[in-house]
Amino acid sequence: MGRQRLLVVDDEPLMRRVLRLTLREDGFDVAEAASGEEAVDKLRSGSWDLVLLDLNLPGCDGVETCRAIRVFSDVPIIVVSIRDSEKDKAEARQAGADDYITKPFNFDALSRRISAARLRRSGFHF
């Protein structure tokens, strides 16, 4: 079995780079997208195991991007955002996000949430 494929969607190049490098060290194959439109295009053209999605994106924001992804895919989506209001979290979940983690975050916590989101989407229940 190959490495798990993750798509990191964030408009900040430094955040994409940090996530890419850290997740690759954890054994993931990581690709990046700087906008919602780019993310949707990449998701339509390949097989992915998980998406890390920022809410603050140019053009199509993260909530709109999540809704667009849910039209054609059930890939696990974890929102990774600086926005921490309950309203933002509720909107993201209503749009189809599986989980929500606020920046700054602990990479161990992110890793655990990635594992949990993948298990939930696979149909495994505790």
C-alpha atoms as a PDB file:
ATOM      1  CA  MET A   1       0.000   0.000   0.000  1.00  0.00           C
ATOM      2  CA  GLY A   2       1.313   3.457  -0.938  1.00  0.00           C
ATOM      3  CA  ARG A   3       1.683   6.501   1.192  1.00  0.00           C
ATOM      4  CA  GLN A   4      -1.473   8.354   2.194  1.00  0.00           C
ATOM      5  CA  ARG A   5      -2.126  11.418  -0.004  1.00  0.00           C
ATOM      6  CA  LEU A   6      -2.970  14.689   1.742  1.00  0.00           C
ATOM      7  CA  LEU A   7      -3.863  18.018   0.147  1.00  0.00           C
ATOM      8  CA  VAL A   8      -2.938  21.141   2.104  1.00  0.00           C
ATOM      9  CA  VAL A   9      -5.064  24.141   1.073  1.00  0.00           C
ATOM     10  CA  ASP A  10      -3.813  27.462   2.457  1.00  0.00           C
ATOM     11  CA  ASP A  11      -3.093  30.855   0.902  1.00  0.00           C
ATOM     12  CA  GLU A  12       0.009  31.335   3.083  1.00  0.00           C
ATOM     13  CA  PRO A  13       3.103  29.789   1.429  1.00  0.00           C
ATOM     14  CA  LEU A  14       4.913  29.431   4.767  1.00  0.00           C
ATOM     15  CA  MET A  15       2.025  27.500   6.349  1.00  0.00           C
ATOM     16  CA  ARG A  16       1.810  25.194   3.320  1.00  0.00           C
ATOM     17  CA  ARG A  17       5.553  24.584   3.494  1.00  0.00           C
ATOM     18  CA  VAL A  18       5.569  23.848   7.243  1.00  0.00           C
ATOM     19  CA  LEU A  19       2.638  21.451   6.911  1.00  0.00           C
ATOM     20  CA  ARG A  20       4.143  19.775   3.841  1.00  0.00           C
ATOM     21  CA  LEU A  21       7.522  19.205   5.489  1.00  0.00           C
ATOM     22  CA  THR A  22       6.069  18.036   8.808  1.00  0.00           C
ATOM     23  CA  LEU A  23       3.515  15.695   7.261  1.00  0.00           C
ATOM     24  CA  ARG A  24       6.076  14.224   4.871  1.00  0.00           C
ATOM     25  CA  GLU A  25       8.225  13.380   7.890  1.00  0.00           C
ATOM     26  CA  ASP A  26       5.168  11.541   9.236  1.00  0.00           C
ATOM     27  CA  GLY A  27       5.044   9.448   6.056  1.00  0.00           C
ATOM     28  CA  PHE A  28       2.408  11.271   4.013  1.00  0.00           C
ATOM     29  CA  ASP A  29       2.564  12.247   0.351  1.00  0.00           C
ATOM     30  CA  VAL A  30       1.597  15.942   0.471  1.00  0.00           C
ATOM     31  CA  ALA A  31       0.456  18.288  -2.285  1.00  0.00           C
ATOM     32  CA  GLU A  32      -0.486  21.933  -1.949  1.00  0.00           C
ATOM     33  CA  ALA A  33      -3.138  24.325  -3.227  1.00  0.00           C
ATOM     34  CA  ALA A  34      -3.187  28.096  -2.659  1.00  0.00           C
ATOM     35  CA  SER A  35      -6.877  28.645  -3.418  1.00  0.00           C
ATOM     36  CA  GLY A  36     -10.207  26.890  -3.209  1.00  0.00           C
ATOM     37  CA  GLU A  37     -10.472  26.640  -6.964  1.00  0.00           C
ATOM     38  CA  GLU A  38      -7.043  25.012  -7.215  1.00  0.00           C
ATOM     39  CA  ALA A  39      -8.000  22.574  -4.452  1.00  0.00           C
ATOM     40  CA  VAL A  40     -11.208  21.516  -6.204  1.00  0.00           C
ATOM     41  CA  ASP A  41      -9.303  21.010  -9.473  1.00  0.00           C
ATOM     42  CA  LYS A  42      -6.685  18.825  -7.754  1.00  0.00           C
ATOM     43  CA  LEU A  43      -9.308  16.808  -5.906  1.00  0.00           C
ATOM     44  CA  ARG A  44     -11.234  16.152  -9.119  1.00  0.00           C
ATOM     45  CA  SER A  45      -8.111  14.952 -10.908  1.00  0.00           C
ATOM     46  CA  GLY A  46      -6.822  12.421  -8.397  1.00  0.00           C
ATOM     47  CA  SER A  47      -7.377  10.184  -5.430  1.00  0.00           C
ATOM     48  CA  TRP A  48      -6.853  11.780  -2.012  1.00  0.00           C
ATOM     49  CA  ASP A  49      -7.001  10.493   1.538  1.00  0.00           C
ATOM     50  CA  LEU A  50      -7.510  13.787   3.406  1.00  0.00           C
ATOM     51  CA  VAL A  51      -7.704  17.557   2.955  1.00  0.00           C
ATOM     52  CA  LEU A  52      -6.400  20.191   5.373  1.00  0.00           C
ATOM     53  CA  LEU A  53      -8.377  23.323   4.498  1.00  0.00           C
ATOM     54  CA  ASP A  54      -7.907  26.920   5.621  1.00  0.00           C
ATOM     55  CA  LEU A  55     -10.999  29.148   5.714  1.00  0.00           C
ATOM     56  CA  ASN A  56      -9.287  32.383   4.650  1.00  0.00           C
ATOM     57  CA  LEU A  57      -8.692  31.778   0.964  1.00  0.00           C
ATOM     58  CA  PRO A  58      -8.713  34.151  -1.994  1.00  0.00           C
ATOM     59  CA  GLY A  59     -11.741  33.846  -4.273  1.00  0.00           C
ATOM     60  CA  CYS A  60     -13.725  30.839  -3.100  1.00  0.00           C
ATOM     61  CA  ASP A  61     -13.319  30.810   0.711  1.00  0.00           C
ATOM     62  CA  GLY A  62     -12.846  27.657   2.764  1.00  0.00           C
ATOM     63  CA  VAL A  63     -16.537  27.112   3.556  1.00  0.00           C
ATOM     64  CA  GLU A  64     -17.484  27.461  -0.130  1.00  0.00           C
ATOM     65  CA  THR A  65     -14.599  25.165  -1.054  1.00  0.00           C
ATOM     66  CA  CYS A  66     -15.779  22.568   1.462  1.00  0.00           C
ATOM     67  CA  ARG A  67     -19.296  22.674  -0.010  1.00  0.00           C
ATOM     68  CA  ALA A  68     -17.883  22.332  -3.542  1.00  0.00           C
ATOM     69  CA  ILE A  69     -15.800  19.308  -2.509  1.00  0.00           C
ATOM     70  CA  ARG A  70     -18.786  17.618  -0.891  1.00  0.00           C
ATOM     71  CA  VAL A  71     -20.670  17.728  -4.194  1.00  0.00           C
ATOM     72  CA  PHE A  72     -18.348  15.050  -5.610  1.00  0.00           C
ATOM     73  CA  SER A  73     -16.211  13.624  -2.789  1.00  0.00           C
ATOM     74  CA  ASP A  74     -16.441  12.233   0.734  1.00  0.00           C
ATOM     75  CA  VAL A  75     -12.714  12.740   1.417  1.00  0.00           C
ATOM     76  CA  PRO A  76     -12.101  13.644   5.077  1.00  0.00           C
ATOM     77  CA  ILE A  77     -11.701  17.419   5.501  1.00  0.00           C
ATOM     78  CA  ILE A  78     -10.078  19.052   8.503  1.00  0.00           C
ATOM     79  CA  VAL A  79     -10.338  22.826   8.668  1.00  0.00           C
ATOM     80  CA  VAL A  80      -7.115  24.431   9.925  1.00  0.00           C
ATOM     81  CA  SER A  81      -7.843  28.100  10.570  1.00  0.00           C
ATOM     82  CA  ILE A  82      -6.968  31.069  12.721  1.00  0.00           C
ATOM     83  CA  ARG A  83     -10.687  31.793  12.980  1.00  0.00           C
ATOM     84  CA  ASP A  84     -11.904  30.345  16.259  1.00  0.00           C
ATOM     85  CA  SER A  85     -15.490  31.496  16.750  1.00  0.00           C
ATOM     86  CA  GLU A  86     -18.212  28.939  17.330  1.00  0.00           C
ATOM     87  CA  LYS A  87     -20.034  30.408  14.307  1.00  0.00           C
ATOM     88  CA  ASP A  88     -17.032  29.659  12.038  1.00  0.00           C
ATOM     89  CA  LYS A  89     -16.767  26.132  13.401  1.00  0.00           C
ATOM     90  CA  ALA A  90     -20.479  25.496  12.947  1.00  0.00           C
ATOM     91  CA  GLU A  91     -20.451  26.840   9.362  1.00  0.00           C
ATOM     92  CA  ALA A  92     -17.489  24.635   8.471  1.00  0.00           C
ATOM     93  CA  ARG A  93     -19.170  21.532   9.886  1.00  0.00           C
ATOM     94  CA  GLN A  94     -22.456  22.349   8.148  1.00  0.00           C
ATOM     95  CA  ALA A  95     -20.509  22.662   4.885  1.00  0.00           C
ATOM     96  CA  GLY A  96     -19.133  19.143   5.380  1.00  0.00           C
ATOM     97  CA  ALA A  97     -15.919  19.479   7.392  1.00  0.00           C
ATOM     98  CA  ASP A  98     -15.086  16.500   9.582  1.00  0.00           C
ATOM     99  CA  ASP A  99     -13.045  18.414  12.136  1.00  0.00           C
ATOM    100  CA  TYR A 100     -11.728  21.881  12.959  1.00  0.00           C
ATOM    101  CA  ILE A 101      -8.435  22.871  14.527  1.00  0.00           C
ATOM    102  CA  THR A 102      -7.347  26.436  15.237  1.00  0.00           C
ATOM    103  CA  LYS A 103      -3.965  27.967  14.472  1.00  0.00           C
ATOM    104  CA  PRO A 104      -1.543  27.900  16.141  1.00  0.00           C
ATOM    105  CA  PHE A 105      -1.824  24.193  16.842  1.00  0.00           C
ATOM    106  CA  ASN A 106       0.213  21.330  18.185  1.00  0.00           C
ATOM    107  CA  PHE A 107       1.402  18.946  15.441  1.00  0.00           C
ATOM    108  CA  ASP A 108       0.768  15.905  17.635  1.00  0.00           C
ATOM    109  CA  ALA A 109      -2.854  17.014  18.044  1.00  0.00           C
ATOM    110  CA  LEU A 110      -3.143  17.524  14.282  1.00  0.00           C
ATOM    111  CA  SER A 111      -1.733  14.054  13.648  1.00  0.00           C
ATOM    112  CA  ARG A 112      -4.290  12.503  16.025  1.00  0.00           C
ATOM    113  CA  ARG A 113      -7.122  14.403  14.325  1.00  0.00           C
ATOM    114  CA  ILE A 114      -5.942  13.235  10.898  1.00  0.00           C
ATOM    115  CA  SER A 115      -6.046   9.625  12.101  1.00  0.00           C
ATOM    116  CA  ALA A 116      -9.474  10.068  13.699  1.00  0.00           C
ATOM    117  CA  ALA A 117     -10.976  11.760  10.610  1.00  0.00           C
ATOM    118  CA  ARG A 118      -9.733   8.984   8.345  1.00  0.00           C
ATOM    119  CA  LEU A 119     -11.183   6.329  10.672  1.00  0.00           C
ATOM    120  CA  ARG A 120     -14.570   8.064  10.873  1.00  0.00           C
ATOM    121  CA  ARG A 121     -14.858   8.394   7.096  1.00  0.00           C
ATOM    122  CA  SER A 122     -13.817   4.772   6.614  1.00  0.00           C
ATOM    123  CA  GLY A 123     -16.855   3.675   8.601  1.00  0.00           C
ATOM    124  CA  PHE A 124     -14.941   2.551  11.684  1.00  0.00           C
ATOM    125  CA  HIS A 125     -16.836   3.331  14.883  1.00  0.00           C
ATOM    126  CA  PHE A 126     -15.587   3.176  18.460  1.00  0.00           C
END
